[in-house]
Amino acid sequence: MRYYNSHDYIVKKIKNQKPLMAYDESVAFQEWKVQSKQKLEELLGLPFEKCEDDFQILCESDMKEYHRMDFEFQSEEGYYIPCSLLIPSHASYPLPTVICLQGHSSGKHISMGEALFEGDESTIAHSDFALQAVKEGYCAVTLDQRYMGKTGQAADGTPSCFTENRSMPSLLLGRTAIGERVWDVQRLIDVIEVHLQKYVDIERIICLGNSGGGTATFYAACMDERIYMAIPSCAVCTFEESVLPVYHCACNYIPGIRKYFNMGDIGCLIAPRRLIQVNGVKDHLFWIDGARECYQVIQKAYRKLGCEDRCYMVEGDGAHQFFPSDVWPLVKEMLQR
């Protein structure tokens, strides 16, 4: 067949090319995992240079259901990230703690149910993850992901990676926006281990996010073994049924990744830790058939390791959103095992 449309041509090449490092049940799992994790780290542009965390508590306040601590830390030399820790009132800590990663939005305040910009209310309706976690009896940590909130929003709160492609210059340094967000989650866990052990059970750190936050959750869990449970929502899907046919923000793309992996292969890196893959059956951005295909691949790794009960897929009866009533009972059950 003769092509004149370059997009159609590259789509065909992608669909016809098997990833070079696809998960293979016949290969020793640990050997595959070590090699694949090294390749993924390289593709993400990691690691960056570590620096002192310069942890600083900015303010503290008591709310009706929780105590709030606002703090910041240095993720890279000269680059600081604003965060908030919510600690359930009258709780005996340390507690399981949920790192809450909002999707493309006006910032971390969404996770805490705070509307600061026009349109925030509709986003909060499904994304107040920190408040949900507190109600379940867990601590919650929110942070502004790169190019969102204080780290890069427009005057109206719109994330700069979405409208102005402000994440693109990172590619000139061999970095990626996803890699930067993963690094910040890893540095946050460093901070938790050193400064917040009083409140946080470091053996039961959960990472949760929807959409772009789900993507960051997914890759962070692949890269960092300290994440006890990962809950990526509306993010895990084959590239052929997500970023390939549908317009997505440039920060979803990792140069060269489809040459080596599809998303299901990458998800095998989370095994044997706990994984709840959440997808909406009507999601128009991450199609359910591609999500199911990924989960089938991930299941193979958990089956090989004899821990199928640590891996679940939640199919919510809705679109591009989180499904709290389906997910939180499962989180509780998995924590109690």
C-alpha atoms as a PDB file:
ATOM      1  CA  MET A   1       0.000   0.000   0.000  1.00  0.00           C
ATOM      2  CA  ARG A   2       1.294   3.473  -0.893  1.00  0.00           C
ATOM      3  CA  TYR A   3       1.031   6.186   1.796  1.00  0.00           C
ATOM      4  CA  TYR A   4       1.043   9.960   1.409  1.00  0.00           C
ATOM      5  CA  ASN A   5      -0.262  10.704   4.914  1.00  0.00           C
ATOM      6  CA  SER A   6       2.712  10.526   7.294  1.00  0.00           C
ATOM      7  CA  HIS A   7       0.520  10.039  10.375  1.00  0.00           C
ATOM      8  CA  ASP A   8      -1.251   7.035   8.888  1.00  0.00           C
ATOM      9  CA  TYR A   9       2.102   5.619   7.847  1.00  0.00           C
ATOM     10  CA  ILE A  10       3.642   5.800  11.335  1.00  0.00           C
ATOM     11  CA  VAL A  11       0.456   4.430  12.926  1.00  0.00           C
ATOM     12  CA  LYS A  12       0.708   1.367  10.700  1.00  0.00           C
ATOM     13  CA  LYS A  13       4.378   0.898  11.619  1.00  0.00           C
ATOM     14  CA  ILE A  14       3.565   1.062  15.318  1.00  0.00           C
ATOM     15  CA  LYS A  15       0.709  -1.421  15.059  1.00  0.00           C
ATOM     16  CA  ASN A  16       2.846  -3.862  13.101  1.00  0.00           C
ATOM     17  CA  GLN A  17       5.892  -3.705  15.393  1.00  0.00           C
ATOM     18  CA  LYS A  18       6.128  -5.970  18.406  1.00  0.00           C
ATOM     19  CA  PRO A  19       7.870  -4.255  21.337  1.00  0.00           C
ATOM     20  CA  LEU A  20      11.453  -5.461  21.662  1.00  0.00           C
ATOM     21  CA  MET A  21      11.238  -5.967  25.431  1.00  0.00           C
ATOM     22  CA  ALA A  22       7.639  -7.156  25.719  1.00  0.00           C
ATOM     23  CA  TYR A  23       6.958  -9.272  28.803  1.00  0.00           C
ATOM     24  CA  ASP A  24       7.581 -12.952  28.065  1.00  0.00           C
ATOM     25  CA  GLU A  25       6.378 -15.582  30.529  1.00  0.00           C
ATOM     26  CA  SER A  26       9.068 -18.000  29.356  1.00  0.00           C
ATOM     27  CA  VAL A  27      11.866 -15.688  30.528  1.00  0.00           C
ATOM     28  CA  ALA A  28      13.020 -15.552  34.160  1.00  0.00           C
ATOM     29  CA  PHE A  29      10.918 -12.750  35.654  1.00  0.00           C
ATOM     30  CA  GLN A  30      13.573 -11.089  37.793  1.00  0.00           C
ATOM     31  CA  GLU A  31      16.045 -10.992  34.918  1.00  0.00           C
ATOM     32  CA  TRP A  32      13.441  -9.414  32.635  1.00  0.00           C
ATOM     33  CA  LYS A  33      12.420  -6.957  35.357  1.00  0.00           C
ATOM     34  CA  VAL A  34      15.955  -5.690  36.001  1.00  0.00           C
ATOM     35  CA  GLN A  35      16.671  -5.147  32.308  1.00  0.00           C
ATOM     36  CA  SER A  36      13.267  -3.596  31.596  1.00  0.00           C
ATOM     37  CA  LYS A  37      13.430  -1.244  34.567  1.00  0.00           C
ATOM     38  CA  GLN A  38      16.845  -0.016  33.430  1.00  0.00           C
ATOM     39  CA  LYS A  39      15.502   0.623  29.924  1.00  0.00           C
ATOM     40  CA  LEU A  40      12.406   2.416  31.230  1.00  0.00           C
ATOM     41  CA  GLU A  41      14.564   4.596  33.478  1.00  0.00           C
ATOM     42  CA  GLU A  42      16.653   5.530  30.444  1.00  0.00           C
ATOM     43  CA  LEU A  43      13.567   6.345  28.341  1.00  0.00           C
ATOM     44  CA  LEU A  44      12.132   8.534  31.104  1.00  0.00           C
ATOM     45  CA  GLY A  45      15.410  10.461  31.276  1.00  0.00           C
ATOM     46  CA  LEU A  46      16.134   9.383  34.856  1.00  0.00           C
ATOM     47  CA  PRO A  47      17.758   9.659  37.296  1.00  0.00           C
ATOM     48  CA  PHE A  48      18.342  13.334  37.987  1.00  0.00           C
ATOM     49  CA  GLU A  49      20.966  14.660  40.394  1.00  0.00           C
ATOM     50  CA  LYS A  50      19.965  14.420  44.053  1.00  0.00           C
ATOM     51  CA  CYS A  51      20.235  17.393  46.391  1.00  0.00           C
ATOM     52  CA  GLU A  52      19.398  18.342  49.964  1.00  0.00           C
ATOM     53  CA  ASP A  53      15.625  18.273  50.470  1.00  0.00           C
ATOM     54  CA  ASP A  54      15.569  21.597  52.383  1.00  0.00           C
ATOM     55  CA  PHE A  55      12.261  20.493  53.934  1.00  0.00           C
ATOM     56  CA  GLN A  56      10.269  23.376  55.412  1.00  0.00           C
ATOM     57  CA  ILE A  57       6.889  23.412  57.142  1.00  0.00           C
ATOM     58  CA  LEU A  58       5.056  26.518  55.940  1.00  0.00           C
ATOM     59  CA  CYS A  59       1.955  26.413  58.123  1.00  0.00           C
ATOM     60  CA  GLU A  60      -0.357  24.081  60.038  1.00  0.00           C
ATOM     61  CA  SER A  61      -4.079  24.229  60.696  1.00  0.00           C
ATOM     62  CA  ASP A  62      -6.785  22.123  62.319  1.00  0.00           C
ATOM     63  CA  MET A  63      -9.838  21.348  60.225  1.00  0.00           C
ATOM     64  CA  LYS A  64     -12.952  19.479  61.355  1.00  0.00           C
ATOM     65  CA  GLU A  65     -11.848  16.044  60.126  1.00  0.00           C
ATOM     66  CA  TYR A  66      -8.089  16.439  59.810  1.00  0.00           C
ATOM     67  CA  HIS A  67      -4.953  18.342  60.695  1.00  0.00           C
ATOM     68  CA  ARG A  68      -3.299  19.988  57.693  1.00  0.00           C
ATOM     69  CA  MET A  69       0.419  20.609  57.303  1.00  0.00           C
ATOM     70  CA  ASP A  70       1.594  22.638  54.314  1.00  0.00           C
ATOM     71  CA  PHE A  71       5.247  22.134  53.450  1.00  0.00           C
ATOM     72  CA  GLU A  72       7.700  22.351  50.599  1.00  0.00           C
ATOM     73  CA  PHE A  73      10.890  20.568  49.652  1.00  0.00           C
ATOM     74  CA  GLN A  74      13.680  20.826  47.130  1.00  0.00           C
ATOM     75  CA  SER A  75      13.374  18.171  44.428  1.00  0.00           C
ATOM     76  CA  GLU A  76      16.268  19.365  42.278  1.00  0.00           C
ATOM     77  CA  GLU A  77      18.853  22.019  43.035  1.00  0.00           C
ATOM     78  CA  GLY A  78      16.846  25.243  43.168  1.00  0.00           C
ATOM     79  CA  TYR A  79      13.501  23.624  42.263  1.00  0.00           C
ATOM     80  CA  TYR A  80      10.902  23.425  45.049  1.00  0.00           C
ATOM     81  CA  ILE A  81       7.552  21.643  45.263  1.00  0.00           C
ATOM     82  CA  PRO A  82       4.589  22.751  47.402  1.00  0.00           C
ATOM     83  CA  CYS A  83       2.804  19.940  49.260  1.00  0.00           C
ATOM     84  CA  SER A  84       0.123  19.367  51.882  1.00  0.00           C
ATOM     85  CA  LEU A  85      -0.201  16.530  54.382  1.00  0.00           C
ATOM     86  CA  LEU A  86      -3.653  15.721  55.756  1.00  0.00           C
ATOM     87  CA  ILE A  87      -3.736  13.702  59.001  1.00  0.00           C
ATOM     88  CA  PRO A  88      -7.118  12.332  60.172  1.00  0.00           C
ATOM     89  CA  SER A  89      -8.240  13.827  63.480  1.00  0.00           C
ATOM     90  CA  HIS A  90      -8.077  11.633  66.588  1.00  0.00           C
ATOM     91  CA  ALA A  91      -6.177   8.920  64.704  1.00  0.00           C
ATOM     92  CA  SER A  92      -3.451   6.676  66.022  1.00  0.00           C
ATOM     93  CA  TYR A  93      -0.545   7.041  63.663  1.00  0.00           C
ATOM     94  CA  PRO A  94       1.564   6.163  61.766  1.00  0.00           C
ATOM     95  CA  LEU A  95      -1.094   5.420  59.155  1.00  0.00           C
ATOM     96  CA  PRO A  96      -1.212   4.068  55.603  1.00  0.00           C
ATOM     97  CA  THR A  97      -0.739   7.130  53.440  1.00  0.00           C
ATOM     98  CA  VAL A  98      -2.050   8.003  49.999  1.00  0.00           C
ATOM     99  CA  ILE A  99       0.045  10.157  47.658  1.00  0.00           C
ATOM    100  CA  CYS A 100      -2.645  11.924  45.633  1.00  0.00           C
ATOM    101  CA  LEU A 101      -1.828  12.945  42.070  1.00  0.00           C
ATOM    102  CA  GLN A 102      -4.430  15.069  40.334  1.00  0.00           C
ATOM    103  CA  GLY A 103      -4.752  14.900  36.562  1.00  0.00           C
ATOM    104  CA  HIS A 104      -4.535  17.918  34.289  1.00  0.00           C
ATOM    105  CA  SER A 105      -6.030  20.550  36.554  1.00  0.00           C
ATOM    106  CA  SER A 106      -5.332  23.811  38.320  1.00  0.00           C
ATOM    107  CA  GLY A 107      -3.321  22.170  41.091  1.00  0.00           C
ATOM    108  CA  LYS A 108      -3.093  20.093  44.250  1.00  0.00           C
ATOM    109  CA  HIS A 109      -5.935  21.985  45.922  1.00  0.00           C
ATOM    110  CA  ILE A 110      -8.303  19.919  43.761  1.00  0.00           C
ATOM    111  CA  SER A 111      -7.345  16.805  45.757  1.00  0.00           C
ATOM    112  CA  MET A 112      -8.312  18.682  48.924  1.00  0.00           C
ATOM    113  CA  GLY A 113     -11.681  19.803  47.555  1.00  0.00           C
ATOM    114  CA  GLU A 114     -10.753  23.481  47.263  1.00  0.00           C
ATOM    115  CA  ALA A 115     -12.080  25.515  44.323  1.00  0.00           C
ATOM    116  CA  LEU A 116      -9.714  28.369  43.464  1.00  0.00           C
ATOM    117  CA  PHE A 117     -10.465  28.825  39.765  1.00  0.00           C
ATOM    118  CA  GLU A 118     -13.509  28.779  37.532  1.00  0.00           C
ATOM    119  CA  GLY A 119     -14.386  25.215  36.645  1.00  0.00           C
ATOM    120  CA  ASP A 120     -12.659  23.668  39.665  1.00  0.00           C
ATOM    121  CA  GLU A 121     -15.968  22.486  41.142  1.00  0.00           C
ATOM    122  CA  SER A 122     -16.620  20.074  38.281  1.00  0.00           C
ATOM    123  CA  THR A 123     -13.097  18.634  38.586  1.00  0.00           C
ATOM    124  CA  ILE A 124     -13.401  18.238  42.362  1.00  0.00           C
ATOM    125  CA  ALA A 125     -16.575  16.172  41.931  1.00  0.00           C
ATOM    126  CA  HIS A 126     -14.498  13.095  41.059  1.00  0.00           C
ATOM    127  CA  SER A 127     -10.984  14.093  42.135  1.00  0.00           C
ATOM    128  CA  ASP A 128     -10.949  15.142  45.808  1.00  0.00           C
ATOM    129  CA  PHE A 129      -8.678  12.165  46.492  1.00  0.00           C
ATOM    130  CA  ALA A 130      -7.107  13.526  49.679  1.00  0.00           C
ATOM    131  CA  LEU A 131     -10.475  14.101  51.347  1.00  0.00           C
ATOM    132  CA  GLN A 132     -11.596  10.631  50.259  1.00  0.00           C
ATOM    133  CA  ALA A 133      -8.457   9.085  51.760  1.00  0.00           C
ATOM    134  CA  VAL A 134      -8.922  10.919  55.070  1.00  0.00           C
ATOM    135  CA  LYS A 135     -12.526   9.732  55.300  1.00  0.00           C
ATOM    136  CA  GLU A 136     -11.229   6.179  54.863  1.00  0.00           C
ATOM    137  CA  GLY A 137      -8.878   6.729  57.818  1.00  0.00           C
ATOM    138  CA  TYR A 138      -5.620   7.249  55.924  1.00  0.00           C
ATOM    139  CA  CYS A 139      -3.188  10.134  55.764  1.00  0.00           C
ATOM    140  CA  ALA A 140      -3.015  11.901  52.422  1.00  0.00           C
ATOM    141  CA  VAL A 141      -0.257  13.895  50.722  1.00  0.00           C
ATOM    142  CA  THR A 142      -0.877  16.204  47.786  1.00  0.00           C
ATOM    143  CA  LEU A 143       1.733  17.925  45.631  1.00  0.00           C
ATOM    144  CA  ASP A 144       1.725  20.168  42.609  1.00  0.00           C
ATOM    145  CA  GLN A 145       2.958  18.083  39.697  1.00  0.00           C
ATOM    146  CA  ARG A 146       5.219  19.740  37.186  1.00  0.00           C
ATOM    147  CA  TYR A 147       3.515  22.193  34.840  1.00  0.00           C
ATOM    148  CA  MET A 148       0.408  22.257  37.043  1.00  0.00           C
ATOM    149  CA  GLY A 149      -0.594  24.340  40.029  1.00  0.00           C
ATOM    150  CA  LYS A 150       2.144  26.603  41.372  1.00  0.00           C
ATOM    151  CA  THR A 151       4.714  24.705  39.291  1.00  0.00           C
ATOM    152  CA  GLY A 152       3.323  25.925  35.992  1.00  0.00           C
ATOM    153  CA  GLN A 153      -0.264  27.071  35.655  1.00  0.00           C
ATOM    154  CA  ALA A 154      -1.603  29.867  33.480  1.00  0.00           C
ATOM    155  CA  ALA A 155      -3.375  32.820  35.049  1.00  0.00           C
ATOM    156  CA  ASP A 156      -6.712  31.012  34.804  1.00  0.00           C
ATOM    157  CA  GLY A 157      -5.317  27.860  36.415  1.00  0.00           C
ATOM    158  CA  THR A 158      -4.895  25.891  33.185  1.00  0.00           C
ATOM    159  CA  PRO A 159      -1.821  23.616  33.310  1.00  0.00           C
ATOM    160  CA  SER A 160       0.930  24.956  31.068  1.00  0.00           C
ATOM    161  CA  CYS A 161       1.780  21.520  29.633  1.00  0.00           C
ATOM    162  CA  PHE A 162      -1.744  21.262  28.259  1.00  0.00           C
ATOM    163  CA  THR A 163      -2.192  24.598  26.518  1.00  0.00           C
ATOM    164  CA  GLU A 164       1.301  25.922  25.849  1.00  0.00           C
ATOM    165  CA  ASN A 165       3.369  22.714  25.632  1.00  0.00           C
ATOM    166  CA  ARG A 166       5.682  24.119  28.313  1.00  0.00           C
ATOM    167  CA  SER A 167       6.900  20.599  29.066  1.00  0.00           C
ATOM    168  CA  MET A 168       8.477  20.223  25.629  1.00  0.00           C
ATOM    169  CA  PRO A 169      11.835  21.961  26.382  1.00  0.00           C
ATOM    170  CA  SER A 170      12.666  19.102  28.767  1.00  0.00           C
ATOM    171  CA  LEU A 171      13.031  16.880  25.714  1.00  0.00           C
ATOM    172  CA  LEU A 172      16.015  18.979  24.639  1.00  0.00           C
ATOM    173  CA  LEU A 173      17.830  17.715  27.744  1.00  0.00           C
ATOM    174  CA  GLY A 174      16.797  14.108  27.227  1.00  0.00           C
ATOM    175  CA  ARG A 175      14.154  14.417  29.952  1.00  0.00           C
ATOM    176  CA  THR A 176      10.398  13.826  29.887  1.00  0.00           C
ATOM    177  CA  ALA A 177       7.519  15.369  31.793  1.00  0.00           C
ATOM    178  CA  ILE A 178       6.498  11.929  33.054  1.00  0.00           C
ATOM    179  CA  GLY A 179      10.063  11.296  34.206  1.00  0.00           C
ATOM    180  CA  GLU A 180      10.089  14.616  36.049  1.00  0.00           C
ATOM    181  CA  ARG A 181       6.828  13.789  37.793  1.00  0.00           C
ATOM    182  CA  VAL A 182       8.100  10.344  38.740  1.00  0.00           C
ATOM    183  CA  TRP A 183      11.271  11.897  40.172  1.00  0.00           C
ATOM    184  CA  ASP A 184       9.216  14.294  42.289  1.00  0.00           C
ATOM    185  CA  VAL A 185       7.159  11.418  43.711  1.00  0.00           C
ATOM    186  CA  GLN A 186      10.362   9.556  44.542  1.00  0.00           C
ATOM    187  CA  ARG A 187      11.820  12.621  46.234  1.00  0.00           C
ATOM    188  CA  LEU A 188       8.569  13.086  48.157  1.00  0.00           C
ATOM    189  CA  ILE A 189       8.918   9.543  49.484  1.00  0.00           C
ATOM    190  CA  ASP A 190      12.485  10.411  50.523  1.00  0.00           C
ATOM    191  CA  VAL A 191      11.085  13.365  52.462  1.00  0.00           C
ATOM    192  CA  ILE A 192       8.376  11.225  54.052  1.00  0.00           C
ATOM    193  CA  GLU A 193      10.960   8.697  55.233  1.00  0.00           C
ATOM    194  CA  VAL A 194      13.113  11.371  56.867  1.00  0.00           C
ATOM    195  CA  HIS A 195      10.658  13.989  58.145  1.00  0.00           C
ATOM    196  CA  LEU A 196       7.156  12.502  58.362  1.00  0.00           C
ATOM    197  CA  GLN A 197       7.651   9.043  59.838  1.00  0.00           C
ATOM    198  CA  LYS A 198       5.638  10.065  62.881  1.00  0.00           C
ATOM    199  CA  TYR A 199       2.482  10.198  60.785  1.00  0.00           C
ATOM    200  CA  VAL A 200       3.185   7.962  57.788  1.00  0.00           C
ATOM    201  CA  ASP A 201       3.534   4.199  57.780  1.00  0.00           C
ATOM    202  CA  ILE A 202       6.375   4.048  55.280  1.00  0.00           C
ATOM    203  CA  GLU A 203       5.728   0.343  54.693  1.00  0.00           C
ATOM    204  CA  ARG A 204       2.244   1.114  53.337  1.00  0.00           C
ATOM    205  CA  ILE A 205       2.547   4.031  50.956  1.00  0.00           C
ATOM    206  CA  ILE A 206      -0.200   4.131  48.345  1.00  0.00           C
ATOM    207  CA  CYS A 207      -0.042   6.171  45.132  1.00  0.00           C
ATOM    208  CA  LEU A 208      -3.310   7.186  43.476  1.00  0.00           C
ATOM    209  CA  GLY A 209      -4.267   9.437  40.598  1.00  0.00           C
ATOM    210  CA  ASN A 210      -6.653   9.866  37.688  1.00  0.00           C
ATOM    211  CA  SER A 211      -5.827  10.645  34.052  1.00  0.00           C
ATOM    212  CA  GLY A 212      -2.442  12.434  34.004  1.00  0.00           C
ATOM    213  CA  GLY A 213      -2.208  11.691  37.716  1.00  0.00           C
ATOM    214  CA  GLY A 214      -2.914   8.062  36.961  1.00  0.00           C
ATOM    215  CA  THR A 215      -0.113   8.053  34.416  1.00  0.00           C
ATOM    216  CA  ALA A 216       2.326   9.489  36.948  1.00  0.00           C
ATOM    217  CA  THR A 217       1.087   6.958  39.520  1.00  0.00           C
ATOM    218  CA  PHE A 218       1.651   4.093  37.102  1.00  0.00           C
ATOM    219  CA  TYR A 219       5.202   5.024  36.120  1.00  0.00           C
ATOM    220  CA  ALA A 220       6.193   5.977  39.671  1.00  0.00           C
ATOM    221  CA  ALA A 221       5.073   2.542  40.891  1.00  0.00           C
ATOM    222  CA  CYS A 222       7.034   0.880  38.092  1.00  0.00           C
ATOM    223  CA  MET A 223      10.182   2.710  39.153  1.00  0.00           C
ATOM    224  CA  ASP A 224       9.954   2.822  42.957  1.00  0.00           C
ATOM    225  CA  GLU A 225       9.612  -0.332  45.047  1.00  0.00           C
ATOM    226  CA  ARG A 226       8.676   1.734  48.120  1.00  0.00           C
ATOM    227  CA  ILE A 227       5.183   2.221  46.695  1.00  0.00           C
ATOM    228  CA  TYR A 228       3.195  -0.518  48.428  1.00  0.00           C
ATOM    229  CA  MET A 229       0.054  -0.117  46.332  1.00  0.00           C
ATOM    230  CA  ALA A 230      -0.592   1.666  43.030  1.00  0.00           C
ATOM    231  CA  ILE A 231      -4.031   2.851  41.914  1.00  0.00           C
ATOM    232  CA  PRO A 232      -3.724   4.338  38.407  1.00  0.00           C
ATOM    233  CA  SER A 233      -7.142   5.477  37.192  1.00  0.00           C
ATOM    234  CA  CYS A 234      -8.091   6.126  33.565  1.00  0.00           C
ATOM    235  CA  ALA A 235      -4.467   5.885  32.443  1.00  0.00           C
ATOM    236  CA  VAL A 236      -3.438   2.278  31.786  1.00  0.00           C
ATOM    237  CA  CYS A 237      -4.217   1.387  28.174  1.00  0.00           C
ATOM    238  CA  THR A 238      -2.340   0.240  25.086  1.00  0.00           C
ATOM    239  CA  PHE A 239      -0.746   3.122  23.217  1.00  0.00           C
ATOM    240  CA  GLU A 240      -2.690   1.998  20.147  1.00  0.00           C
ATOM    241  CA  GLU A 241      -5.984   2.715  21.917  1.00  0.00           C
ATOM    242  CA  SER A 242      -5.057   5.868  23.808  1.00  0.00           C
ATOM    243  CA  VAL A 243      -2.353   8.330  22.765  1.00  0.00           C
ATOM    244  CA  LEU A 244      -2.205   7.026  19.185  1.00  0.00           C
ATOM    245  CA  PRO A 245      -5.781   7.648  17.965  1.00  0.00           C
ATOM    246  CA  VAL A 246      -6.808  10.402  20.407  1.00  0.00           C
ATOM    247  CA  TYR A 247      -5.344  13.883  20.951  1.00  0.00           C
ATOM    248  CA  HIS A 248      -3.442  13.979  24.246  1.00  0.00           C
ATOM    249  CA  CYS A 249      -1.243  16.525  25.978  1.00  0.00           C
ATOM    250  CA  ALA A 250       2.395  16.308  24.852  1.00  0.00           C
ATOM    251  CA  CYS A 251       3.432  15.311  28.379  1.00  0.00           C
ATOM    252  CA  ASN A 252       1.923  11.846  27.767  1.00  0.00           C
ATOM    253  CA  TYR A 253       4.633  10.952  25.268  1.00  0.00           C
ATOM    254  CA  ILE A 254       7.918   9.224  26.057  1.00  0.00           C
ATOM    255  CA  PRO A 255      10.285   9.165  23.058  1.00  0.00           C
ATOM    256  CA  GLY A 256      11.033   5.643  21.882  1.00  0.00           C
ATOM    257  CA  ILE A 257       8.882   3.823  24.421  1.00  0.00           C
ATOM    258  CA  ARG A 258       6.703   1.889  21.978  1.00  0.00           C
ATOM    259  CA  LYS A 259       9.841   0.491  20.360  1.00  0.00           C
ATOM    260  CA  TYR A 260      10.467  -1.456  23.571  1.00  0.00           C
ATOM    261  CA  PHE A 261       7.193  -1.759  25.505  1.00  0.00           C
ATOM    262  CA  ASN A 262       3.472  -1.473  25.399  1.00  0.00           C
ATOM    263  CA  MET A 263       1.821  -0.267  28.569  1.00  0.00           C
ATOM    264  CA  GLY A 264       0.850  -3.729  29.780  1.00  0.00           C
ATOM    265  CA  ASP A 265       4.486  -4.833  29.606  1.00  0.00           C
ATOM    266  CA  ILE A 266       5.521  -1.866  31.724  1.00  0.00           C
ATOM    267  CA  GLY A 267       2.838  -2.662  34.300  1.00  0.00           C
ATOM    268  CA  CYS A 268       4.494  -6.019  34.964  1.00  0.00           C
ATOM    269  CA  LEU A 269       7.261  -4.083  36.736  1.00  0.00           C
ATOM    270  CA  ILE A 270       4.845  -3.383  39.593  1.00  0.00           C
ATOM    271  CA  ALA A 271       4.510  -7.093  40.423  1.00  0.00           C
ATOM    272  CA  PRO A 272       4.440  -8.499  43.079  1.00  0.00           C
ATOM    273  CA  ARG A 273       3.307  -5.317  44.829  1.00  0.00           C
ATOM    274  CA  ARG A 274      -0.379  -4.408  44.968  1.00  0.00           C
ATOM    275  CA  LEU A 275      -2.059  -2.919  41.903  1.00  0.00           C
ATOM    276  CA  ILE A 276      -5.606  -1.716  41.325  1.00  0.00           C
ATOM    277  CA  GLN A 277      -6.039  -0.711  37.689  1.00  0.00           C
ATOM    278  CA  VAL A 278      -9.100   1.522  37.309  1.00  0.00           C
ATOM    279  CA  ASN A 279     -10.775   2.277  33.983  1.00  0.00           C
ATOM    280  CA  GLY A 280     -14.103   3.668  32.869  1.00  0.00           C
ATOM    281  CA  VAL A 281     -15.989   1.537  30.355  1.00  0.00           C
ATOM    282  CA  LYS A 282     -17.074   4.737  28.558  1.00  0.00           C
ATOM    283  CA  ASP A 283     -13.694   6.504  28.700  1.00  0.00           C
ATOM    284  CA  HIS A 284     -13.182   8.300  25.375  1.00  0.00           C
ATOM    285  CA  LEU A 285      -9.473   8.962  26.028  1.00  0.00           C
ATOM    286  CA  PHE A 286      -8.262   5.558  27.239  1.00  0.00           C
ATOM    287  CA  TRP A 287     -10.413   2.971  25.523  1.00  0.00           C
ATOM    288  CA  ILE A 288     -11.617   0.052  27.578  1.00  0.00           C
ATOM    289  CA  ASP A 289     -10.537  -2.657  25.106  1.00  0.00           C
ATOM    290  CA  GLY A 290      -6.940  -1.405  25.265  1.00  0.00           C
ATOM    291  CA  ALA A 291      -7.169  -1.215  29.062  1.00  0.00           C
ATOM    292  CA  ARG A 292      -8.347  -4.818  29.235  1.00  0.00           C
ATOM    293  CA  GLU A 293      -5.548  -5.912  26.946  1.00  0.00           C
ATOM    294  CA  CYS A 294      -2.979  -4.302  29.254  1.00  0.00           C
ATOM    295  CA  TYR A 295      -4.498  -5.933  32.313  1.00  0.00           C
ATOM    296  CA  GLN A 296      -4.338  -9.365  30.694  1.00  0.00           C
ATOM    297  CA  VAL A 297      -0.594  -8.912  30.175  1.00  0.00           C
ATOM    298  CA  ILE A 298      -0.056  -7.644  33.733  1.00  0.00           C
ATOM    299  CA  GLN A 299      -2.025 -10.593  35.118  1.00  0.00           C
ATOM    300  CA  LYS A 300       0.474 -12.978  33.543  1.00  0.00           C
ATOM    301  CA  ALA A 301       3.304 -11.555  35.663  1.00  0.00           C
ATOM    302  CA  TYR A 302       1.280 -11.787  38.875  1.00  0.00           C
ATOM    303  CA  ARG A 303       0.218 -15.313  37.972  1.00  0.00           C
ATOM    304  CA  LYS A 304       3.829 -16.325  37.348  1.00  0.00           C
ATOM    305  CA  LEU A 305       4.778 -14.997  40.790  1.00  0.00           C
ATOM    306  CA  GLY A 306       1.848 -16.720  42.481  1.00  0.00           C
ATOM    307  CA  CYS A 307       0.225 -13.515  43.725  1.00  0.00           C
ATOM    308  CA  GLU A 308      -2.830 -13.003  41.520  1.00  0.00           C
ATOM    309  CA  ASP A 309      -4.781 -11.739  44.531  1.00  0.00           C
ATOM    310  CA  ARG A 310      -2.617  -8.600  44.590  1.00  0.00           C
ATOM    311  CA  CYS A 311      -3.766  -7.440  41.155  1.00  0.00           C
ATOM    312  CA  TYR A 312      -7.256  -6.195  40.275  1.00  0.00           C
ATOM    313  CA  MET A 313      -8.984  -4.303  37.518  1.00  0.00           C
ATOM    314  CA  VAL A 314     -11.943  -2.090  38.364  1.00  0.00           C
ATOM    315  CA  GLU A 315     -14.210  -1.265  35.435  1.00  0.00           C
ATOM    316  CA  GLY A 316     -16.303   1.697  36.473  1.00  0.00           C
ATOM    317  CA  ASP A 317     -19.672   2.384  34.878  1.00  0.00           C
ATOM    318  CA  GLY A 318     -18.706   5.782  33.593  1.00  0.00           C
ATOM    319  CA  ALA A 319     -16.244   7.768  31.536  1.00  0.00           C
ATOM    320  CA  HIS A 320     -12.899   9.466  32.288  1.00  0.00           C
ATOM    321  CA  GLN A 321     -13.177   9.590  36.082  1.00  0.00           C
ATOM    322  CA  PHE A 322     -12.303   7.913  39.360  1.00  0.00           C
ATOM    323  CA  PHE A 323     -14.803   5.507  40.930  1.00  0.00           C
ATOM    324  CA  PRO A 324     -14.463   5.835  44.728  1.00  0.00           C
ATOM    325  CA  SER A 325     -17.301   3.517  45.749  1.00  0.00           C
ATOM    326  CA  ASP A 326     -15.719   0.710  43.697  1.00  0.00           C
ATOM    327  CA  VAL A 327     -12.111   1.334  44.721  1.00  0.00           C
ATOM    328  CA  TRP A 328     -11.924   2.220  48.432  1.00  0.00           C
ATOM    329  CA  PRO A 329     -13.471  -1.038  49.766  1.00  0.00           C
ATOM    330  CA  LEU A 330     -10.916  -2.922  47.679  1.00  0.00           C
ATOM    331  CA  VAL A 331      -8.082  -0.795  49.093  1.00  0.00           C
ATOM    332  CA  LYS A 332      -9.220  -1.625  52.624  1.00  0.00           C
ATOM    333  CA  GLU A 333      -9.426  -5.315  51.830  1.00  0.00           C
ATOM    334  CA  MET A 334      -5.940  -5.397  50.305  1.00  0.00           C
ATOM    335  CA  LEU A 335      -4.434  -3.518  53.247  1.00  0.00           C
ATOM    336  CA  GLN A 336      -5.917  -5.983  55.723  1.00  0.00           C
ATOM    337  CA  ARG A 337      -4.523  -9.102  54.078  1.00  0.00           C
END
